[in-house]
C-alpha atoms as a PDB file:
ATOM      1  CA  MET A   1     -12.301 158.387  81.120  1.00  0.00           C
ATOM      2  CA  SER A   2     -12.134 155.098  79.230  1.00  0.00           C
ATOM      3  CA  GLU A   3      -9.658 152.378  80.212  1.00  0.00           C
ATOM      4  CA  GLU A   4      -8.064 152.541  76.755  1.00  0.00           C
ATOM      5  CA  LEU A   5      -7.407 156.269  77.113  1.00  0.00           C
ATOM      6  CA  LYS A   6      -5.917 155.773  80.568  1.00  0.00           C
ATOM      7  CA  HIS A   7      -3.467 153.202  79.196  1.00  0.00           C
ATOM      8  CA  ASN A   8      -2.479 155.419  76.267  1.00  0.00           C
ATOM      9  CA  GLU A   9      -1.835 158.576  78.304  1.00  0.00           C
ATOM     10  CA  LYS A  10       1.746 159.581  78.842  1.00  0.00           C
ATOM     11  CA  LEU A  11       2.818 159.641  82.470  1.00  0.00           C
ATOM     12  CA  LEU A  12       5.200 162.546  81.901  1.00  0.00           C
ATOM     13  CA  LEU A  13       4.357 165.711  79.971  1.00  0.00           C
ATOM     14  CA  THR A  14       6.558 168.090  78.030  1.00  0.00           C
ATOM     15  CA  ALA A  15       6.027 171.836  78.343  1.00  0.00           C
ATOM     16  CA  SER A  16       4.131 171.764  75.038  1.00  0.00           C
ATOM     17  CA  GLU A  17       1.892 168.909  76.180  1.00  0.00           C
ATOM     18  CA  LEU A  18       1.234 170.626  79.500  1.00  0.00           C
ATOM     19  CA  ALA A  19       0.419 173.860  77.673  1.00  0.00           C
ATOM     20  CA  ALA A  20      -2.074 172.018  75.461  1.00  0.00           C
ATOM     21  CA  LEU A  21      -3.634 170.350  78.504  1.00  0.00           C
ATOM     22  CA  LEU A  22      -4.031 173.702  80.273  1.00  0.00           C
ATOM     23  CA  GLY A  23      -5.038 175.622  77.141  1.00  0.00           C
ATOM     24  CA  VAL A  24      -2.179 178.110  77.250  1.00  0.00           C
ATOM     25  CA  ASN A  25       0.939 178.871  75.204  1.00  0.00           C
ATOM     26  CA  ARG A  26       4.164 176.970  75.859  1.00  0.00           C
ATOM     27  CA  SER A  27       5.847 180.224  76.900  1.00  0.00           C
ATOM     28  CA  THR A  28       3.173 180.647  79.570  1.00  0.00           C
ATOM     29  CA  ILE A  29       4.211 177.320  81.097  1.00  0.00           C
ATOM     30  CA  TRP A  30       7.792 178.565  81.461  1.00  0.00           C
ATOM     31  CA  THR A  31       6.586 181.897  82.888  1.00  0.00           C
ATOM     32  CA  TRP A  32       4.385 180.076  85.402  1.00  0.00           C
ATOM     33  CA  HIS A  33       7.245 177.697  86.260  1.00  0.00           C
ATOM     34  CA  SER A  34       9.629 180.615  86.879  1.00  0.00           C
ATOM     35  CA  GLY A  35       6.975 182.368  88.955  1.00  0.00           C
ATOM     36  CA  GLY A  36       6.228 179.314  91.102  1.00  0.00           C
ATOM     37  CA  LYS A  37       2.659 178.966  89.868  1.00  0.00           C
ATOM     38  CA  ILE A  38       2.757 175.322  88.754  1.00  0.00           C
ATOM     39  CA  PRO A  39       4.145 172.163  90.381  1.00  0.00           C
ATOM     40  CA  MET A  40       7.855 171.500  90.068  1.00  0.00           C
ATOM     41  CA  PRO A  41       8.793 169.391  87.084  1.00  0.00           C
ATOM     42  CA  LEU A  42      11.193 166.478  87.032  1.00  0.00           C
ATOM     43  CA  GLN A  43      14.642 166.938  85.543  1.00  0.00           C
ATOM     44  CA  ILE A  44      15.768 163.766  83.787  1.00  0.00           C
ATOM     45  CA  GLY A  45      19.110 163.997  82.050  1.00  0.00           C
ATOM     46  CA  GLY A  46      18.607 167.652  81.202  1.00  0.00           C
ATOM     47  CA  ILE A  47      15.011 167.082  80.072  1.00  0.00           C
ATOM     48  CA  THR A  48      12.103 168.715  81.879  1.00  0.00           C
ATOM     49  CA  ARG A  49       8.845 166.823  82.364  1.00  0.00           C
ATOM     50  CA  TRP A  50       5.766 167.233  84.552  1.00  0.00           C
ATOM     51  CA  ARG A  51       3.963 164.261  86.124  1.00  0.00           C
ATOM     52  CA  ARG A  52       0.493 163.980  84.566  1.00  0.00           C
ATOM     53  CA  ALA A  53      -1.027 162.577  87.779  1.00  0.00           C
ATOM     54  CA  GLU A  54       0.384 165.441  89.841  1.00  0.00           C
ATOM     55  CA  ILE A  55      -0.951 168.016  87.386  1.00  0.00           C
ATOM     56  CA  GLN A  56      -4.391 166.408  87.535  1.00  0.00           C
ATOM     57  CA  HIS A  57      -4.371 166.459  91.355  1.00  0.00           C
ATOM     58  CA  TRP A  58      -3.078 170.042  91.316  1.00  0.00           C
ATOM     59  CA  LEU A  59      -5.982 171.082  89.080  1.00  0.00           C
ATOM     60  CA  GLU A  60      -8.477 169.242  91.295  1.00  0.00           C
ATOM     61  CA  ALA A  61      -7.055 171.175  94.279  1.00  0.00           C
ATOM     62  CA  GLY A  62      -7.806 174.462  92.499  1.00  0.00           C
ATOM     63  CA  ALA A  63      -4.355 175.025  90.941  1.00  0.00           C
ATOM     64  CA  PRO A  64      -2.753 176.665  93.990  1.00  0.00           C
ATOM     65  CA  PRO A  65       0.668 178.328  93.751  1.00  0.00           C
ATOM     66  CA  ARG A  66       3.630 175.957  94.117  1.00  0.00           C
ATOM     67  CA  THR A  67       4.355 176.827  97.753  1.00  0.00           C
ATOM     68  CA  ARG A  68       0.753 176.068  98.742  1.00  0.00           C
ATOM     69  CA  TRP A  69       0.663 173.004  96.499  1.00  0.00           C
ATOM     70  CA  ASN A  70       3.759 171.578  98.194  1.00  0.00           C
ATOM     71  CA  VAL A  71       1.955 171.788 101.551  1.00  0.00           C
ATOM     72  CA  VAL A  72      -1.272 170.266 100.177  1.00  0.00           C
ATOM     73  CA  ASN A  73       0.596 167.542  98.319  1.00  0.00           C
ATOM     74  CA  ALA A  74       2.698 166.623 101.360  1.00  0.00           C
ATOM     75  CA  ALA A  75      -0.434 166.396 103.527  1.00  0.00           C
ATOM     76  CA  GLN A  76      -2.083 164.070 100.997  1.00  0.00           C
ATOM     77  CA  LYS A  77       0.909 161.714 101.079  1.00  0.00           C
ATOM     78  CA  LYS A  78       0.872 161.261 104.881  1.00  0.00           C
ATOM     79  CA  PRO A  79      -0.547 157.910 106.031  1.00  0.00           C
END
């Protein structure tokens, strides 16, 4: 990935942006969120956003269900 692209990428993704990234419909994102299949989003003043970096790591880990991802993610953060 070029440096210019890295600097122009949004750090937080909307449901529509996440859907485009994953190649699914926006409604699928909400279904997966409700079913615990994707990482938890952030809630900022009533707005829902997903961290791009977390989604990329989640995909690299094989896109595990949220409960498994929480364990994997916590283990990665330990010193």
